[in-house]
Amino acid sequence: METLLKVPPGHRAYRMGCKQAHVACWRPPGDDGGVRHTVSVMLPETPPTGIAGALECAFEFKTRLLVIADTHEQVEAFAAQVAAKLGAWVRVEPPMG
């Protein structure tokens, strides 16, 4: 489950040639919706240590995870890390709007 978002012309990514961003979201076990904290990761800007920290934070505080990436491949690589570290988190449609 991944959504493509259009990048507005004023955004830095648009000026670098990215016209859309790939977005994916995961929920922790027991999350039934409503207002929750979310840890977000932007790829490729977030270094591996930042990704590890985000996964630890999501685990400790049972937060949702949101990844915004330049490519589908980056989303899938992040998904593999989520599966390895947070196997109980469920991938869901990103909230839009």
C-alpha atoms as a PDB file:
ATOM      1  CA  MET A   1       0.000   0.000   0.000  1.00  0.00           C
ATOM      2  CA  GLU A   2       1.635   3.100  -1.257  1.00  0.00           C
ATOM      3  CA  THR A   3       0.339   6.427  -2.453  1.00  0.00           C
ATOM      4  CA  LEU A   4       1.845   8.836  -4.949  1.00  0.00           C
ATOM      5  CA  LEU A   5       1.593  12.506  -4.003  1.00  0.00           C
ATOM      6  CA  LYS A   6       2.209  15.361  -6.395  1.00  0.00           C
ATOM      7  CA  VAL A   7       5.062  17.601  -5.291  1.00  0.00           C
ATOM      8  CA  PRO A   8       4.219  21.315  -5.563  1.00  0.00           C
ATOM      9  CA  PRO A   9       6.440  23.442  -7.850  1.00  0.00           C
ATOM     10  CA  GLY A  10       7.814  25.497  -4.932  1.00  0.00           C
ATOM     11  CA  HIS A  11       9.146  22.447  -3.085  1.00  0.00           C
ATOM     12  CA  ARG A  12      12.890  21.720  -3.110  1.00  0.00           C
ATOM     13  CA  ALA A  13      12.293  18.190  -4.405  1.00  0.00           C
ATOM     14  CA  TYR A  14      10.356  19.552  -7.394  1.00  0.00           C
ATOM     15  CA  ARG A  15      13.237  21.828  -8.354  1.00  0.00           C
ATOM     16  CA  MET A  16      15.528  18.790  -8.214  1.00  0.00           C
ATOM     17  CA  GLY A  17      13.335  16.965 -10.712  1.00  0.00           C
ATOM     18  CA  CYS A  18      10.990  15.023  -8.413  1.00  0.00           C
ATOM     19  CA  LYS A  19       7.402  15.573  -9.519  1.00  0.00           C
ATOM     20  CA  GLN A  20       5.867  13.060  -7.108  1.00  0.00           C
ATOM     21  CA  ALA A  21       6.660  11.440  -3.769  1.00  0.00           C
ATOM     22  CA  HIS A  22       5.984   7.873  -2.633  1.00  0.00           C
ATOM     23  CA  VAL A  23       4.240   7.603   0.749  1.00  0.00           C
ATOM     24  CA  ALA A  24       3.588   4.562   2.952  1.00  0.00           C
ATOM     25  CA  CYS A  25       2.280   4.151   6.502  1.00  0.00           C
ATOM     26  CA  TRP A  26       2.340   1.494   9.249  1.00  0.00           C
ATOM     27  CA  ARG A  27       0.220   1.163  12.403  1.00  0.00           C
ATOM     28  CA  PRO A  28       1.268  -0.501  15.650  1.00  0.00           C
ATOM     29  CA  PRO A  29      -0.665  -3.425  17.120  1.00  0.00           C
ATOM     30  CA  GLY A  30      -3.886  -2.300  18.801  1.00  0.00           C
ATOM     31  CA  ASP A  31      -4.104   0.965  16.851  1.00  0.00           C
ATOM     32  CA  ASP A  32      -7.751   1.322  15.935  1.00  0.00           C
ATOM     33  CA  GLY A  33      -7.580   4.795  14.436  1.00  0.00           C
ATOM     34  CA  GLY A  34      -8.060   8.198  15.967  1.00  0.00           C
ATOM     35  CA  VAL A  35      -5.427  10.742  16.866  1.00  0.00           C
ATOM     36  CA  ARG A  36      -1.987   9.177  17.409  1.00  0.00           C
ATOM     37  CA  HIS A  37       1.634  10.218  17.366  1.00  0.00           C
ATOM     38  CA  THR A  38       3.491   9.498  14.144  1.00  0.00           C
ATOM     39  CA  VAL A  39       7.192   9.084  13.451  1.00  0.00           C
ATOM     40  CA  SER A  40       8.061  10.191   9.927  1.00  0.00           C
ATOM     41  CA  VAL A  41      11.087   9.394   7.792  1.00  0.00           C
ATOM     42  CA  MET A  42      12.086  11.168   4.583  1.00  0.00           C
ATOM     43  CA  LEU A  43      14.203   9.218   2.118  1.00  0.00           C
ATOM     44  CA  PRO A  44      16.898   9.524   0.948  1.00  0.00           C
ATOM     45  CA  GLU A  45      17.595  12.437   3.344  1.00  0.00           C
ATOM     46  CA  THR A  46      17.399  10.395   6.567  1.00  0.00           C
ATOM     47  CA  PRO A  47      20.699   8.599   7.287  1.00  0.00           C
ATOM     48  CA  PRO A  48      20.752   4.961   8.481  1.00  0.00           C
ATOM     49  CA  THR A  49      21.262   6.089  12.093  1.00  0.00           C
ATOM     50  CA  GLY A  50      18.163   8.276  11.799  1.00  0.00           C
ATOM     51  CA  ILE A  51      16.146   5.380  10.413  1.00  0.00           C
ATOM     52  CA  ALA A  52      17.279   3.149  13.278  1.00  0.00           C
ATOM     53  CA  GLY A  53      16.324   5.868  15.766  1.00  0.00           C
ATOM     54  CA  ALA A  54      12.900   6.299  14.154  1.00  0.00           C
ATOM     55  CA  LEU A  55      12.213   2.564  14.374  1.00  0.00           C
ATOM     56  CA  GLU A  56      13.299   2.496  18.033  1.00  0.00           C
ATOM     57  CA  CYS A  57      11.092   5.491  18.826  1.00  0.00           C
ATOM     58  CA  ALA A  58       8.102   3.925  17.073  1.00  0.00           C
ATOM     59  CA  PHE A  59       8.612   0.718  19.064  1.00  0.00           C
ATOM     60  CA  GLU A  60       9.094   2.439  22.421  1.00  0.00           C
ATOM     61  CA  PHE A  61       6.104   4.764  22.103  1.00  0.00           C
ATOM     62  CA  LYS A  62       3.900   2.495  19.915  1.00  0.00           C
ATOM     63  CA  THR A  63       3.528   5.204  17.273  1.00  0.00           C
ATOM     64  CA  ARG A  64       2.557   5.070  13.646  1.00  0.00           C
ATOM     65  CA  LEU A  65       5.277   5.225  11.002  1.00  0.00           C
ATOM     66  CA  LEU A  66       5.133   7.346   7.858  1.00  0.00           C
ATOM     67  CA  VAL A  67       7.759   7.226   5.114  1.00  0.00           C
ATOM     68  CA  ILE A  68       8.018   9.773   2.318  1.00  0.00           C
ATOM     69  CA  ALA A  69      10.448   8.751  -0.394  1.00  0.00           C
ATOM     70  CA  ASP A  70      11.640   9.655  -3.872  1.00  0.00           C
ATOM     71  CA  THR A  71      11.190   6.138  -5.263  1.00  0.00           C
ATOM     72  CA  HIS A  72       9.134   2.987  -4.808  1.00  0.00           C
ATOM     73  CA  GLU A  73      12.357   1.051  -4.211  1.00  0.00           C
ATOM     74  CA  GLN A  74      13.211   3.266  -1.217  1.00  0.00           C
ATOM     75  CA  VAL A  75       9.762   2.602   0.267  1.00  0.00           C
ATOM     76  CA  GLU A  76      10.183  -1.150  -0.169  1.00  0.00           C
ATOM     77  CA  ALA A  77      13.663  -1.110   1.392  1.00  0.00           C
ATOM     78  CA  PHE A  78      12.219   0.766   4.377  1.00  0.00           C
ATOM     79  CA  ALA A  79       9.335  -1.737   4.518  1.00  0.00           C
ATOM     80  CA  ALA A  80      11.868  -4.565   4.844  1.00  0.00           C
ATOM     81  CA  GLN A  81      13.458  -2.777   7.804  1.00  0.00           C
ATOM     82  CA  VAL A  82      10.054  -2.271   9.430  1.00  0.00           C
ATOM     83  CA  ALA A  83       9.247  -5.971   8.955  1.00  0.00           C
ATOM     84  CA  ALA A  84      12.582  -6.982  10.508  1.00  0.00           C
ATOM     85  CA  LYS A  85      12.397  -4.633  13.507  1.00  0.00           C
ATOM     86  CA  LEU A  86       8.640  -4.106  14.000  1.00  0.00           C
ATOM     87  CA  GLY A  87       7.063  -7.276  12.677  1.00  0.00           C
ATOM     88  CA  ALA A  88       3.730  -6.606  14.418  1.00  0.00           C
ATOM     89  CA  TRP A  89       3.240  -3.218  12.703  1.00  0.00           C
ATOM     90  CA  VAL A  90       0.689  -3.373   9.876  1.00  0.00           C
ATOM     91  CA  ARG A  91       1.092  -1.521   6.600  1.00  0.00           C
ATOM     92  CA  VAL A  92      -1.995   0.582   5.860  1.00  0.00           C
ATOM     93  CA  GLU A  93      -3.140   3.193   3.366  1.00  0.00           C
ATOM     94  CA  PRO A  94      -1.576   6.557   4.226  1.00  0.00           C
ATOM     95  CA  PRO A  95      -4.048   9.076   5.609  1.00  0.00           C
ATOM     96  CA  MET A  96      -4.809  11.659   2.940  1.00  0.00           C
ATOM     97  CA  GLY A  97      -6.478  14.930   3.720  1.00  0.00           C
END
